[in-house]
Protein backbone atom coordinates (compact mmCIF):
# COMPACT_ATOMS: atom_id res chain seq x y z
CA GLN A 1 4.76 -107.25 -31.02
CA LEU A 2 5.15 -110.24 -28.67
CA ILE A 3 2.23 -112.25 -29.98
CA GLY A 4 2.05 -113.15 -33.66
CA LYS A 5 -0.97 -112.96 -35.88
CA ARG A 6 -3.59 -115.42 -34.77
CA ARG A 7 -4.27 -118.28 -37.17
CA GLY A 8 -7.45 -120.26 -37.49
CA PRO A 9 -7.82 -123.75 -36.01
CA GLY A 10 -6.04 -126.75 -37.48
CA ARG A 11 -2.74 -127.33 -39.24
CA PRO A 12 -1.08 -124.60 -41.28
CA LYS A 13 -1.82 -124.73 -45.02
CA HIS A 14 0.53 -126.95 -47.05
CA SER A 15 1.83 -128.76 -43.96
CA CYS A 16 2.34 -132.52 -44.06
CA ASN A 17 0.07 -134.81 -42.10
CA VAL A 18 2.15 -137.74 -40.87
CA ALA A 19 -0.53 -139.18 -38.61
CA PRO A 20 -2.71 -141.98 -40.00
CA SER A 21 -6.24 -140.99 -40.93
CA LYS A 22 -9.13 -142.24 -38.86
CA ASP A 23 -10.24 -144.34 -41.83
CA SER A 24 -6.92 -146.18 -42.00
CA ILE A 25 -6.92 -147.23 -38.34
CA GLN A 26 -10.61 -147.85 -37.79
CA ASP A 27 -11.16 -151.58 -38.11
CA LEU A 28 -14.02 -152.71 -35.93
CA THR A 29 -13.19 -156.37 -36.52
CA PHE A 30 -9.70 -155.99 -35.06
CA GLY A 31 -9.04 -156.16 -31.36
CA ILE A 32 -8.06 -158.44 -28.53
CA PRO A 33 -10.95 -160.14 -26.69
CA TRP A 34 -11.19 -159.40 -22.95
CA SER A 35 -10.16 -162.83 -21.76
CA TYR A 36 -8.72 -165.95 -23.29
CA THR A 37 -8.18 -169.67 -22.91
CA TYR A 38 -4.84 -171.30 -23.62
CA ASN A 39 -4.30 -175.06 -23.14
CA ASP A 40 -7.41 -175.39 -20.95
CA VAL A 41 -6.36 -172.45 -18.73
CA HIS A 42 -8.88 -169.60 -18.70
CA VAL A 43 -7.31 -166.18 -18.13
CA THR A 44 -9.39 -163.10 -17.24
CA ASN A 45 -8.75 -159.45 -16.32
CA THR A 46 -6.22 -158.98 -19.11
CA CYS A 47 -7.34 -155.44 -20.00
CA ALA A 48 -4.15 -153.67 -18.84
CA MET A 49 -1.91 -156.10 -20.70
CA ASP A 50 -4.15 -156.07 -23.79
CA SER A 51 -4.24 -152.26 -23.92
CA SER A 52 -0.48 -152.03 -23.55
CA LEU A 53 0.19 -154.61 -26.25
CA MET A 54 -2.29 -152.99 -28.64
CA SER A 55 -0.68 -149.58 -28.02
CA LEU A 56 2.73 -151.01 -28.83
CA TYR A 57 1.27 -152.77 -31.87
CA PHE A 58 -0.08 -149.49 -33.27
CA LEU A 59 3.15 -147.62 -32.50
CA ARG A 60 5.02 -150.19 -34.56
CA LYS A 61 2.39 -150.50 -37.30
CA TYR A 62 2.41 -146.78 -38.04
CA GLU A 63 6.20 -146.59 -37.63
CA LEU A 64 6.06 -144.21 -34.69
CA VAL A 65 8.62 -146.49 -33.03
CA SER A 66 11.09 -148.60 -35.00
CA MET A 67 11.13 -152.39 -34.93
CA GLN A 68 14.81 -152.21 -34.04
CA LEU A 69 13.98 -150.36 -30.82
CA PHE A 70 11.51 -153.11 -29.91
CA ASP A 71 14.22 -155.73 -30.49
CA GLU A 72 16.59 -153.78 -28.25
CA LEU A 73 13.99 -153.51 -25.48
CA ASP A 74 12.80 -157.11 -25.61
CA PRO A 75 13.44 -159.57 -28.46
CA SER A 76 10.14 -161.34 -27.83
CA LEU A 77 8.15 -158.15 -28.36
CA ASN A 78 8.26 -158.31 -32.17
CA VAL A 79 7.23 -161.98 -31.98
CA VAL A 80 4.21 -160.98 -29.87
CA LEU A 81 3.31 -158.05 -32.13
CA ASN A 82 3.55 -160.28 -35.22
CA LEU A 83 1.13 -162.72 -33.59
CA ILE A 84 -1.28 -159.83 -32.91
CA SER A 85 -0.95 -158.78 -36.55
CA ASP A 86 -1.90 -162.33 -37.55
CA LYS A 87 -4.89 -162.12 -35.15
CA LYS A 88 -3.45 -164.89 -32.97
CA TYR A 89 -4.27 -163.00 -29.80
CA ASN A 90 -4.23 -165.92 -27.37
CA ASP A 91 -0.82 -167.06 -28.60
CA ALA A 92 0.50 -163.49 -28.39
CA ARG A 93 -0.60 -163.04 -24.78
CA HIS A 94 0.68 -166.46 -23.77
CA VAL A 95 4.12 -165.78 -25.31
CA TRP A 96 4.26 -162.38 -23.61
CA ILE A 97 3.37 -163.79 -20.18
CA VAL A 98 5.70 -166.80 -20.41
CA ARG A 99 8.70 -164.85 -21.70
CA ASN A 100 8.27 -162.05 -19.17
CA ASP A 101 7.44 -164.03 -16.06
């Protein structure tokens, strides 16, 4: 028999779920605003950068990628992600832009 017995939908019984639950990541008060002002400079159209930084933030937060790897890629990345964690979004974006210009 080439095809095994068909299982129902979902994970097999007694398997581990390593992914965070929707309740643990759903925080409607958390997120980077669409634009920002830093030292009287107004910056808009930051969606691509914001989405990328938030993706990296969640990868690190849920330990899908190690902090050490971030340090190896770019030492300023952990600084930026720590600022996002502290909800200092404008500072985080400014540091990212200045250090990667």
